[in-house]
Amino acid sequence: MSGKPTLKPLLVLAALLLAACGPKVEISDAGMVAGTGPRAEMVRLINLQRSKAGLAPFEIDAKLAKAANTHAAAMAKNTCVDFDCGGQKTETRLSVAGYRAQASRFYVSAGRPAPEDMIREMMSEDWGRDMILNPGFRHVAAGYGANDSTYRHYWAIGFAAPAIKDLDALAAEVVRLVNVERKKHGAPPLAMSRELNKSARFHANFMAENDCFNHLCPNEPNLGKRARDAGYEWRAVAENIAAGQEDAARVVAGWMTSPGHRKNILSPKYKEIGIGYVLLDHDGGKVDLRHYWVQNFGVR
């Protein structure tokens, strides 16, 4: 049986919880990261499916492997098939293992004794197949644990893309996508503004650090003051914010489906733009969306 996730914006949250008991747990270290054993065979079969689809193979990452194996062991120990097992979510295990993920997904399952059984199950389900064939992920790891319960075999398969380090390149990609949309609608391109970048990054950081998703958080200067404090002497300014989207394409696409955000993006009134982005690795607050985005628009 597998745990199928429900979704909050791009974040896997929950699955099926089995009744807890205290079975004997058997965890083998064979092939934990690479080489031999069921984990390595699972990775080989995943990469075989990617090869058939013309995709590059996943790389194995030791930190992701640690998170996957720790979670599989927790599932076996607690007779549980879930993304929150033994008191920790999979995303928390990633953070504890030291893997800083831009995006991640886990596929959890129980009752399949062999990697061949697992790959058939995953490829037969849309969401399992989408993980295997996702071109955005770079790393994979297979976690496995066993006990003497009815299901015996417990799998946690982790897929991840490492955190983006070049925030200037990320901002440039957002601006590029914005200007593609403006060109479609006859608006001139926006120029990147160093001052608006500073203003937008300030607000993205403030939201992430203060568990707030709003244009004005408690004890924060308003948009106009933020822009002027950053050195931007504006005649008009506007702002878009978003949270939860894992990359530039998703966040711009989301803004373009919202009339108010779309209006700011396409407005010929604005000449310059700044981009702010923060990844909060272990976002344990009430907002809990990990990815915080800000666009500031202006004309001087």
C-alpha atoms as a PDB file:
ATOM      1  CA  MET A   1       0.000   0.000   0.000  1.00  0.00           C
ATOM      2  CA  SER A   2       1.160   3.545  -0.636  1.00  0.00           C
ATOM      3  CA  GLY A   3       0.539   6.913   0.966  1.00  0.00           C
ATOM      4  CA  LYS A   4      -0.925   9.316  -1.593  1.00  0.00           C
ATOM      5  CA  PRO A   5      -0.345  12.979  -0.681  1.00  0.00           C
ATOM      6  CA  THR A   6      -2.717  15.859  -0.424  1.00  0.00           C
ATOM      7  CA  LEU A   7      -1.250  19.166  -1.560  1.00  0.00           C
ATOM      8  CA  LYS A   8      -0.819  22.640  -0.184  1.00  0.00           C
ATOM      9  CA  PRO A   9       0.884  24.937  -2.775  1.00  0.00           C
ATOM     10  CA  LEU A  10       3.610  22.607  -3.985  1.00  0.00           C
ATOM     11  CA  LEU A  11       4.107  21.020  -0.558  1.00  0.00           C
ATOM     12  CA  VAL A  12       3.293  17.401   0.245  1.00  0.00           C
ATOM     13  CA  LEU A  13       1.452  17.219   3.552  1.00  0.00           C
ATOM     14  CA  ALA A  14      -0.276  13.991   4.482  1.00  0.00           C
ATOM     15  CA  ALA A  15      -1.099  10.383   3.726  1.00  0.00           C
ATOM     16  CA  LEU A  16      -2.506   7.259   5.352  1.00  0.00           C
ATOM     17  CA  LEU A  17      -1.641   6.405   8.946  1.00  0.00           C
ATOM     18  CA  LEU A  18      -1.700   2.771   9.999  1.00  0.00           C
ATOM     19  CA  ALA A  19      -2.475   1.643  13.524  1.00  0.00           C
ATOM     20  CA  ALA A  20       0.648   1.768  15.676  1.00  0.00           C
ATOM     21  CA  CYS A  21       2.090  -1.253  17.402  1.00  0.00           C
ATOM     22  CA  GLY A  22       5.506  -2.454  18.480  1.00  0.00           C
ATOM     23  CA  PRO A  23       6.895  -4.869  15.877  1.00  0.00           C
ATOM     24  CA  LYS A  24      10.433  -6.106  15.658  1.00  0.00           C
ATOM     25  CA  VAL A  25      12.279  -3.817  13.254  1.00  0.00           C
ATOM     26  CA  GLU A  26      14.928  -5.013  10.831  1.00  0.00           C
ATOM     27  CA  ILE A  27      17.032  -2.367   9.093  1.00  0.00           C
ATOM     28  CA  SER A  28      19.866  -3.359   6.764  1.00  0.00           C
ATOM     29  CA  ASP A  29      22.597  -0.915   5.790  1.00  0.00           C
ATOM     30  CA  ALA A  30      23.363  -2.786   2.562  1.00  0.00           C
ATOM     31  CA  GLY A  31      23.462  -0.362  -0.339  1.00  0.00           C
ATOM     32  CA  MET A  32      22.387   2.583   1.806  1.00  0.00           C
ATOM     33  CA  VAL A  33      23.842   5.162  -0.578  1.00  0.00           C
ATOM     34  CA  ALA A  34      25.172   3.299  -3.605  1.00  0.00           C
ATOM     35  CA  GLY A  35      26.456  -0.078  -4.714  1.00  0.00           C
ATOM     36  CA  THR A  36      24.384  -3.128  -3.870  1.00  0.00           C
ATOM     37  CA  GLY A  37      21.183  -3.978  -2.024  1.00  0.00           C
ATOM     38  CA  PRO A  38      17.507  -3.069  -2.455  1.00  0.00           C
ATOM     39  CA  ARG A  39      18.088   0.671  -2.157  1.00  0.00           C
ATOM     40  CA  ALA A  40      20.641   0.749  -4.954  1.00  0.00           C
ATOM     41  CA  GLU A  41      18.448  -1.475  -7.121  1.00  0.00           C
ATOM     42  CA  MET A  42      15.495   0.856  -6.552  1.00  0.00           C
ATOM     43  CA  VAL A  43      17.574   3.813  -7.751  1.00  0.00           C
ATOM     44  CA  ARG A  44      18.781   1.825 -10.767  1.00  0.00           C
ATOM     45  CA  LEU A  45      15.196   1.012 -11.775  1.00  0.00           C
ATOM     46  CA  ILE A  46      14.124   4.637 -11.339  1.00  0.00           C
ATOM     47  CA  ASN A  47      16.945   5.814 -13.587  1.00  0.00           C
ATOM     48  CA  LEU A  48      16.063   3.126 -16.125  1.00  0.00           C
ATOM     49  CA  GLN A  49      12.582   4.659 -16.427  1.00  0.00           C
ATOM     50  CA  ARG A  50      14.129   8.099 -16.879  1.00  0.00           C
ATOM     51  CA  SER A  51      16.434   6.770 -19.586  1.00  0.00           C
ATOM     52  CA  LYS A  52      13.444   5.338 -21.463  1.00  0.00           C
ATOM     53  CA  ALA A  53      11.839   8.798 -21.332  1.00  0.00           C
ATOM     54  CA  GLY A  54      14.999  10.513 -22.597  1.00  0.00           C
ATOM     55  CA  LEU A  55      15.788  12.133 -19.241  1.00  0.00           C
ATOM     56  CA  ALA A  56      19.151  12.384 -17.496  1.00  0.00           C
ATOM     57  CA  PRO A  57      19.676   9.988 -14.576  1.00  0.00           C
ATOM     58  CA  PHE A  58      19.234  11.157 -11.013  1.00  0.00           C
ATOM     59  CA  GLU A  59      22.324  11.474  -8.847  1.00  0.00           C
ATOM     60  CA  ILE A  60      22.442   9.856  -5.405  1.00  0.00           C
ATOM     61  CA  ASP A  61      22.990  12.310  -2.558  1.00  0.00           C
ATOM     62  CA  ALA A  62      24.238  11.045   0.820  1.00  0.00           C
ATOM     63  CA  LYS A  63      22.241  13.593   2.837  1.00  0.00           C
ATOM     64  CA  LEU A  64      19.032  12.804   0.983  1.00  0.00           C
ATOM     65  CA  ALA A  65      19.787   9.095   1.517  1.00  0.00           C
ATOM     66  CA  LYS A  66      20.141   9.701   5.252  1.00  0.00           C
ATOM     67  CA  ALA A  67      16.736  11.406   5.363  1.00  0.00           C
ATOM     68  CA  ALA A  68      15.072   8.646   3.306  1.00  0.00           C
ATOM     69  CA  ASN A  69      16.555   5.835   5.389  1.00  0.00           C
ATOM     70  CA  THR A  70      15.735   7.537   8.676  1.00  0.00           C
ATOM     71  CA  HIS A  71      12.136   7.943   7.562  1.00  0.00           C
ATOM     72  CA  ALA A  72      11.832   4.350   6.329  1.00  0.00           C
ATOM     73  CA  ALA A  73      13.194   3.159   9.682  1.00  0.00           C
ATOM     74  CA  ALA A  74      10.647   5.327  11.524  1.00  0.00           C
ATOM     75  CA  MET A  75       7.815   3.901   9.414  1.00  0.00           C
ATOM     76  CA  ALA A  76       8.911   0.335  10.184  1.00  0.00           C
ATOM     77  CA  LYS A  77       9.350   1.078  13.888  1.00  0.00           C
ATOM     78  CA  ASN A  78       5.925   2.707  14.182  1.00  0.00           C
ATOM     79  CA  THR A  79       4.049   0.540  11.634  1.00  0.00           C
ATOM     80  CA  CYS A  80       3.134   3.743   9.850  1.00  0.00           C
ATOM     81  CA  VAL A  81       2.906   4.777   6.195  1.00  0.00           C
ATOM     82  CA  ASP A  82       2.884   8.558   6.263  1.00  0.00           C
ATOM     83  CA  PHE A  83       4.903  11.676   5.547  1.00  0.00           C
ATOM     84  CA  ASP A  84       4.848  12.404   9.290  1.00  0.00           C
ATOM     85  CA  CYS A  85       5.998   9.275  11.094  1.00  0.00           C
ATOM     86  CA  GLY A  86       7.693   8.898  14.448  1.00  0.00           C
ATOM     87  CA  GLY A  87       7.228  12.578  15.237  1.00  0.00           C
ATOM     88  CA  GLN A  88       9.027  14.049  12.206  1.00  0.00           C
ATOM     89  CA  LYS A  89       7.877  15.063   8.741  1.00  0.00           C
ATOM     90  CA  THR A  90       9.966  14.144   5.726  1.00  0.00           C
ATOM     91  CA  GLU A  91      10.843  17.808   5.158  1.00  0.00           C
ATOM     92  CA  THR A  92      12.146  18.009   8.737  1.00  0.00           C
ATOM     93  CA  ARG A  93      14.272  14.910   8.173  1.00  0.00           C
ATOM     94  CA  LEU A  94      15.794  16.618   5.134  1.00  0.00           C
ATOM     95  CA  SER A  95      16.711  19.630   7.242  1.00  0.00           C
ATOM     96  CA  VAL A  96      18.145  17.471  10.043  1.00  0.00           C
ATOM     97  CA  ALA A  97      20.204  15.527   7.495  1.00  0.00           C
ATOM     98  CA  GLY A  98      21.625  18.801   6.185  1.00  0.00           C
ATOM     99  CA  TYR A  99      19.984  18.693   2.737  1.00  0.00           C
ATOM    100  CA  ARG A 100      18.854  22.182   1.728  1.00  0.00           C
ATOM    101  CA  ALA A 101      16.112  21.566  -0.826  1.00  0.00           C
ATOM    102  CA  GLN A 102      14.652  23.982  -3.318  1.00  0.00           C
ATOM    103  CA  ALA A 103      11.984  21.364  -3.992  1.00  0.00           C
ATOM    104  CA  SER A 104      11.404  17.864  -2.662  1.00  0.00           C
ATOM    105  CA  ARG A 105       8.864  15.044  -2.761  1.00  0.00           C
ATOM    106  CA  PHE A 106       8.688  11.712  -0.981  1.00  0.00           C
ATOM    107  CA  TYR A 107       6.891   8.586  -2.081  1.00  0.00           C
ATOM    108  CA  VAL A 108       6.091   6.304   0.869  1.00  0.00           C
ATOM    109  CA  SER A 109       4.753   2.783   0.614  1.00  0.00           C
ATOM    110  CA  ALA A 110       4.506  -0.510   2.508  1.00  0.00           C
ATOM    111  CA  GLY A 111       3.941  -4.136   1.599  1.00  0.00           C
ATOM    112  CA  ARG A 112       6.120  -4.309  -1.530  1.00  0.00           C
ATOM    113  CA  PRO A 113       8.972  -6.782  -0.932  1.00  0.00           C
ATOM    114  CA  ALA A 114      11.171  -5.975  -3.924  1.00  0.00           C
ATOM    115  CA  PRO A 115      12.284  -2.885  -5.873  1.00  0.00           C
ATOM    116  CA  GLU A 116      10.636  -4.351  -8.989  1.00  0.00           C
ATOM    117  CA  ASP A 117       7.286  -4.311  -7.160  1.00  0.00           C
ATOM    118  CA  MET A 118       7.843  -0.720  -6.089  1.00  0.00           C
ATOM    119  CA  ILE A 119       8.715   0.556  -9.554  1.00  0.00           C
ATOM    120  CA  ARG A 120       5.598  -1.075 -11.023  1.00  0.00           C
ATOM    121  CA  GLU A 121       3.462   0.565  -8.346  1.00  0.00           C
ATOM    122  CA  MET A 122       4.998   4.004  -8.833  1.00  0.00           C
ATOM    123  CA  MET A 123       4.828   3.936 -12.627  1.00  0.00           C
ATOM    124  CA  SER A 124       1.175   2.846 -12.485  1.00  0.00           C
ATOM    125  CA  GLU A 125       0.152   5.965 -10.549  1.00  0.00           C
ATOM    126  CA  ASP A 126       0.208   9.488 -11.981  1.00  0.00           C
ATOM    127  CA  TRP A 127       1.802  11.070  -8.925  1.00  0.00           C
ATOM    128  CA  GLY A 128       4.462   8.351  -8.575  1.00  0.00           C
ATOM    129  CA  ARG A 129       5.314   8.501 -12.264  1.00  0.00           C
ATOM    130  CA  ASP A 130       5.466  12.308 -12.118  1.00  0.00           C
ATOM    131  CA  MET A 131       8.108  12.130  -9.387  1.00  0.00           C
ATOM    132  CA  ILE A 132      10.252   9.669 -11.336  1.00  0.00           C
ATOM    133  CA  LEU A 133      10.001  11.642 -14.590  1.00  0.00           C
ATOM    134  CA  ASN A 134      10.194  15.138 -13.105  1.00  0.00           C
ATOM    135  CA  PRO A 135      12.890  17.065 -15.034  1.00  0.00           C
ATOM    136  CA  GLY A 136      13.304  19.540 -12.181  1.00  0.00           C
ATOM    137  CA  PHE A 137      14.676  17.089  -9.633  1.00  0.00           C
ATOM    138  CA  ARG A 138      18.375  16.232  -9.538  1.00  0.00           C
ATOM    139  CA  HIS A 139      18.806  13.824  -6.629  1.00  0.00           C
ATOM    140  CA  VAL A 140      17.130  10.590  -5.557  1.00  0.00           C
ATOM    141  CA  ALA A 141      17.485   8.226  -2.609  1.00  0.00           C
ATOM    142  CA  ALA A 142      15.661   5.062  -1.610  1.00  0.00           C
ATOM    143  CA  GLY A 143      15.073   4.327   2.060  1.00  0.00           C
ATOM    144  CA  TYR A 144      14.033   0.839   3.169  1.00  0.00           C
ATOM    145  CA  GLY A 145      13.060  -0.744   6.487  1.00  0.00           C
ATOM    146  CA  ALA A 146      11.364  -3.977   7.528  1.00  0.00           C
ATOM    147  CA  ASN A 147       9.503  -5.394  10.521  1.00  0.00           C
ATOM    148  CA  ASP A 148       7.405  -8.465  11.358  1.00  0.00           C
ATOM    149  CA  SER A 149       4.018  -6.750  10.917  1.00  0.00           C
ATOM    150  CA  THR A 150       1.504  -7.485   8.155  1.00  0.00           C
ATOM    151  CA  TYR A 151       3.152  -5.120   5.685  1.00  0.00           C
ATOM    152  CA  ARG A 152       6.784  -5.981   6.616  1.00  0.00           C
ATOM    153  CA  HIS A 153       8.455  -3.861   3.904  1.00  0.00           C
ATOM    154  CA  TYR A 154       8.585  -0.057   4.202  1.00  0.00           C
ATOM    155  CA  TRP A 155       9.883   2.283   1.519  1.00  0.00           C
ATOM    156  CA  ALA A 156      10.586   6.025   1.520  1.00  0.00           C
ATOM    157  CA  ILE A 157      11.769   7.280  -1.869  1.00  0.00           C
ATOM    158  CA  GLY A 158      13.063  10.854  -1.828  1.00  0.00           C
ATOM    159  CA  PHE A 159      13.350  13.150  -4.851  1.00  0.00           C
ATOM    160  CA  ALA A 160      14.898  16.600  -4.531  1.00  0.00           C
ATOM    161  CA  ALA A 161      16.478  19.606  -6.181  1.00  0.00           C
ATOM    162  CA  PRO A 162      19.149  21.436  -4.160  1.00  0.00           C
ATOM    163  CA  ALA A 163      18.524  25.007  -3.067  1.00  0.00           C
ATOM    164  CA  ILE A 164      19.270  27.732  -5.589  1.00  0.00           C
ATOM    165  CA  LYS A 165      22.415  29.583  -4.511  1.00  0.00           C
ATOM    166  CA  ASP A 166      22.597  32.272  -7.191  1.00  0.00           C
ATOM    167  CA  LEU A 167      19.769  34.613  -6.194  1.00  0.00           C
ATOM    168  CA  ASP A 168      20.826  37.207  -8.774  1.00  0.00           C
ATOM    169  CA  ALA A 169      20.337  34.638 -11.538  1.00  0.00           C
ATOM    170  CA  LEU A 170      16.965  33.668 -10.054  1.00  0.00           C
ATOM    171  CA  ALA A 171      15.871  37.311  -9.999  1.00  0.00           C
ATOM    172  CA  ALA A 172      17.031  37.740 -13.594  1.00  0.00           C
ATOM    173  CA  GLU A 173      14.930  34.735 -14.636  1.00  0.00           C
ATOM    174  CA  VAL A 174      11.818  36.204 -12.995  1.00  0.00           C
ATOM    175  CA  VAL A 175      12.414  39.480 -14.834  1.00  0.00           C
ATOM    176  CA  ARG A 176      12.964  37.629 -18.109  1.00  0.00           C
ATOM    177  CA  LEU A 177       9.642  35.799 -17.722  1.00  0.00           C
ATOM    178  CA  VAL A 178       7.874  39.036 -16.798  1.00  0.00           C
ATOM    179  CA  ASN A 179       9.235  40.738 -19.911  1.00  0.00           C
ATOM    180  CA  VAL A 180       8.111  37.806 -22.060  1.00  0.00           C
ATOM    181  CA  GLU A 181       4.571  38.421 -20.793  1.00  0.00           C
ATOM    182  CA  ARG A 182       4.854  42.177 -21.327  1.00  0.00           C
ATOM    183  CA  LYS A 183       6.036  41.678 -24.900  1.00  0.00           C
ATOM    184  CA  LYS A 184       3.001  39.478 -25.619  1.00  0.00           C
ATOM    185  CA  HIS A 185       0.771  42.372 -24.582  1.00  0.00           C
ATOM    186  CA  GLY A 186       2.652  45.218 -26.236  1.00  0.00           C
ATOM    187  CA  ALA A 187       4.268  46.650 -23.088  1.00  0.00           C
ATOM    188  CA  PRO A 188       7.949  47.687 -23.081  1.00  0.00           C
ATOM    189  CA  PRO A 189      10.406  45.601 -21.037  1.00  0.00           C
ATOM    190  CA  LEU A 190      11.160  46.441 -17.427  1.00  0.00           C
ATOM    191  CA  ALA A 191      14.736  47.167 -16.353  1.00  0.00           C
ATOM    192  CA  MET A 192      16.174  45.599 -13.215  1.00  0.00           C
ATOM    193  CA  SER A 193      16.625  48.159 -10.444  1.00  0.00           C
ATOM    194  CA  ARG A 194      19.287  47.608  -7.780  1.00  0.00           C
ATOM    195  CA  GLU A 195      17.290  49.741  -5.339  1.00  0.00           C
ATOM    196  CA  LEU A 196      14.007  47.895  -5.971  1.00  0.00           C
ATOM    197  CA  ASN A 197      15.857  44.595  -5.599  1.00  0.00           C
ATOM    198  CA  LYS A 198      16.996  45.766  -2.173  1.00  0.00           C
ATOM    199  CA  SER A 199      13.460  46.817  -1.234  1.00  0.00           C
ATOM    200  CA  ALA A 200      11.910  43.549  -2.463  1.00  0.00           C
ATOM    201  CA  ARG A 201      14.524  41.408  -0.710  1.00  0.00           C
ATOM    202  CA  PHE A 202      13.944  43.288   2.523  1.00  0.00           C
ATOM    203  CA  HIS A 203      10.236  42.470   2.424  1.00  0.00           C
ATOM    204  CA  ALA A 204      10.768  38.811   1.449  1.00  0.00           C
ATOM    205  CA  ASN A 205      13.134  38.407   4.403  1.00  0.00           C
ATOM    206  CA  PHE A 206      10.787  40.242   6.746  1.00  0.00           C
ATOM    207  CA  MET A 207       7.858  37.987   5.822  1.00  0.00           C
ATOM    208  CA  ALA A 208       9.916  34.807   6.234  1.00  0.00           C
ATOM    209  CA  GLU A 209      11.492  35.839   9.529  1.00  0.00           C
ATOM    210  CA  ASN A 210       8.262  37.172  11.070  1.00  0.00           C
ATOM    211  CA  ASP A 211       5.833  34.420  10.028  1.00  0.00           C
ATOM    212  CA  CYS A 212       3.793  36.855   7.951  1.00  0.00           C
ATOM    213  CA  PHE A 213       2.430  36.800   4.421  1.00  0.00           C
ATOM    214  CA  ASN A 214       1.145  40.265   3.655  1.00  0.00           C
ATOM    215  CA  HIS A 215       2.131  43.483   1.927  1.00  0.00           C
ATOM    216  CA  LEU A 216       2.618  45.053   5.352  1.00  0.00           C
ATOM    217  CA  CYS A 217       3.690  42.958   8.327  1.00  0.00           C
ATOM    218  CA  PRO A 218       3.558  44.182  11.951  1.00  0.00           C
ATOM    219  CA  ASN A 219       6.365  46.625  12.827  1.00  0.00           C
ATOM    220  CA  GLU A 220       7.469  46.897   9.192  1.00  0.00           C
ATOM    221  CA  PRO A 221       7.750  50.071   7.061  1.00  0.00           C
ATOM    222  CA  ASN A 222       5.188  50.318   4.256  1.00  0.00           C
ATOM    223  CA  LEU A 223       6.055  49.753   0.596  1.00  0.00           C
ATOM    224  CA  GLY A 224       6.701  53.408  -0.167  1.00  0.00           C
ATOM    225  CA  LYS A 225       9.105  53.812   2.759  1.00  0.00           C
ATOM    226  CA  ARG A 226      10.828  50.508   2.007  1.00  0.00           C
ATOM    227  CA  ALA A 227      11.521  51.688  -1.533  1.00  0.00           C
ATOM    228  CA  ARG A 228      12.779  55.110  -0.416  1.00  0.00           C
ATOM    229  CA  ASP A 229      14.905  53.569   2.349  1.00  0.00           C
ATOM    230  CA  ALA A 230      16.509  51.445  -0.376  1.00  0.00           C
ATOM    231  CA  GLY A 231      17.349  54.621  -2.321  1.00  0.00           C
ATOM    232  CA  TYR A 232      14.511  54.532  -4.865  1.00  0.00           C
ATOM    233  CA  GLU A 233      12.914  57.978  -5.241  1.00  0.00           C
ATOM    234  CA  TRP A 234       9.679  56.924  -6.857  1.00  0.00           C
ATOM    235  CA  ARG A 235       6.752  58.655  -8.525  1.00  0.00           C
ATOM    236  CA  ALA A 236       4.756  55.418  -8.364  1.00  0.00           C
ATOM    237  CA  VAL A 237       5.410  51.958  -6.888  1.00  0.00           C
ATOM    238  CA  ALA A 238       3.515  48.676  -6.741  1.00  0.00           C
ATOM    239  CA  GLU A 239       4.118  45.231  -5.320  1.00  0.00           C
ATOM    240  CA  ASN A 240       3.264  41.577  -5.942  1.00  0.00           C
ATOM    241  CA  ILE A 241       3.915  38.869  -3.350  1.00  0.00           C
ATOM    242  CA  ALA A 242       3.597  35.095  -3.452  1.00  0.00           C
ATOM    243  CA  ALA A 243       4.547  32.106  -1.305  1.00  0.00           C
ATOM    244  CA  GLY A 244       4.941  28.365  -1.786  1.00  0.00           C
ATOM    245  CA  GLN A 245       6.079  28.316  -5.422  1.00  0.00           C
ATOM    246  CA  GLU A 246       9.376  26.511  -5.915  1.00  0.00           C
ATOM    247  CA  ASP A 247      10.729  28.258  -9.012  1.00  0.00           C
ATOM    248  CA  ALA A 248      10.510  31.339 -11.207  1.00  0.00           C
ATOM    249  CA  ALA A 249       8.224  29.781 -13.822  1.00  0.00           C
ATOM    250  CA  ARG A 250       5.631  28.715 -11.264  1.00  0.00           C
ATOM    251  CA  VAL A 251       5.539  32.014  -9.430  1.00  0.00           C
ATOM    252  CA  VAL A 252       5.199  34.122 -12.596  1.00  0.00           C
ATOM    253  CA  ALA A 253       2.520  31.773 -13.955  1.00  0.00           C
ATOM    254  CA  GLY A 254       0.628  32.115 -10.670  1.00  0.00           C
ATOM    255  CA  TRP A 255       0.792  35.890 -10.727  1.00  0.00           C
ATOM    256  CA  MET A 256      -0.437  35.957 -14.328  1.00  0.00           C
ATOM    257  CA  THR A 257      -3.613  34.060 -13.371  1.00  0.00           C
ATOM    258  CA  SER A 258      -4.531  36.691 -10.755  1.00  0.00           C
ATOM    259  CA  PRO A 259      -6.076  39.901 -12.161  1.00  0.00           C
ATOM    260  CA  GLY A 260      -4.452  42.288  -9.686  1.00  0.00           C
ATOM    261  CA  HIS A 261      -0.984  40.789  -9.974  1.00  0.00           C
ATOM    262  CA  ARG A 262      -1.313  40.526 -13.749  1.00  0.00           C
ATOM    263  CA  LYS A 263      -2.237  44.213 -13.934  1.00  0.00           C
ATOM    264  CA  ASN A 264       0.987  45.191 -12.138  1.00  0.00           C
ATOM    265  CA  ILE A 265       3.109  42.937 -14.364  1.00  0.00           C
ATOM    266  CA  LEU A 266       1.642  44.310 -17.606  1.00  0.00           C
ATOM    267  CA  SER A 267       1.233  47.968 -16.631  1.00  0.00           C
ATOM    268  CA  PRO A 268       3.068  50.302 -19.073  1.00  0.00           C
ATOM    269  CA  LYS A 269       3.274  52.860 -16.263  1.00  0.00           C
ATOM    270  CA  TYR A 270       6.186  51.092 -14.566  1.00  0.00           C
ATOM    271  CA  LYS A 271       9.706  51.195 -15.983  1.00  0.00           C
ATOM    272  CA  GLU A 272      11.725  49.230 -13.420  1.00  0.00           C
ATOM    273  CA  ILE A 273      11.408  46.093 -11.318  1.00  0.00           C
ATOM    274  CA  GLY A 274      13.072  44.464  -8.320  1.00  0.00           C
ATOM    275  CA  ILE A 275      12.836  40.862  -7.125  1.00  0.00           C
ATOM    276  CA  GLY A 276      13.060  39.418  -3.620  1.00  0.00           C
ATOM    277  CA  TYR A 277      13.165  35.734  -2.748  1.00  0.00           C
ATOM    278  CA  VAL A 278      13.840  33.782   0.452  1.00  0.00           C
ATOM    279  CA  LEU A 279      13.906  30.039   1.057  1.00  0.00           C
ATOM    280  CA  LEU A 280      13.144  29.263   4.712  1.00  0.00           C
ATOM    281  CA  ASP A 281      14.485  25.727   5.117  1.00  0.00           C
ATOM    282  CA  HIS A 282      12.454  24.606   8.111  1.00  0.00           C
ATOM    283  CA  ASP A 283       9.431  26.851   8.111  1.00  0.00           C
ATOM    284  CA  GLY A 284       7.631  25.923  11.304  1.00  0.00           C
ATOM    285  CA  GLY A 285       5.392  28.962  11.608  1.00  0.00           C
ATOM    286  CA  LYS A 286       1.692  29.432  10.921  1.00  0.00           C
ATOM    287  CA  VAL A 287       2.361  30.534   7.338  1.00  0.00           C
ATOM    288  CA  ASP A 288       4.714  27.569   6.682  1.00  0.00           C
ATOM    289  CA  LEU A 289       5.214  27.982   2.913  1.00  0.00           C
ATOM    290  CA  ARG A 290       9.068  27.942   2.748  1.00  0.00           C
ATOM    291  CA  HIS A 291       9.318  30.030  -0.440  1.00  0.00           C
ATOM    292  CA  TYR A 292       8.655  33.784  -0.184  1.00  0.00           C
ATOM    293  CA  TRP A 293       8.567  35.959  -3.318  1.00  0.00           C
ATOM    294  CA  VAL A 294       8.279  39.716  -3.850  1.00  0.00           C
ATOM    295  CA  GLN A 295       8.113  41.884  -6.973  1.00  0.00           C
ATOM    296  CA  ASN A 296       8.487  45.650  -6.638  1.00  0.00           C
ATOM    297  CA  PHE A 297       7.565  47.838  -9.620  1.00  0.00           C
ATOM    298  CA  GLY A 298       8.440  51.504  -9.938  1.00  0.00           C
ATOM    299  CA  VAL A 299       8.864  54.618 -12.016  1.00  0.00           C
ATOM    300  CA  ARG A 300      11.039  57.592 -11.019  1.00  0.00           C
END
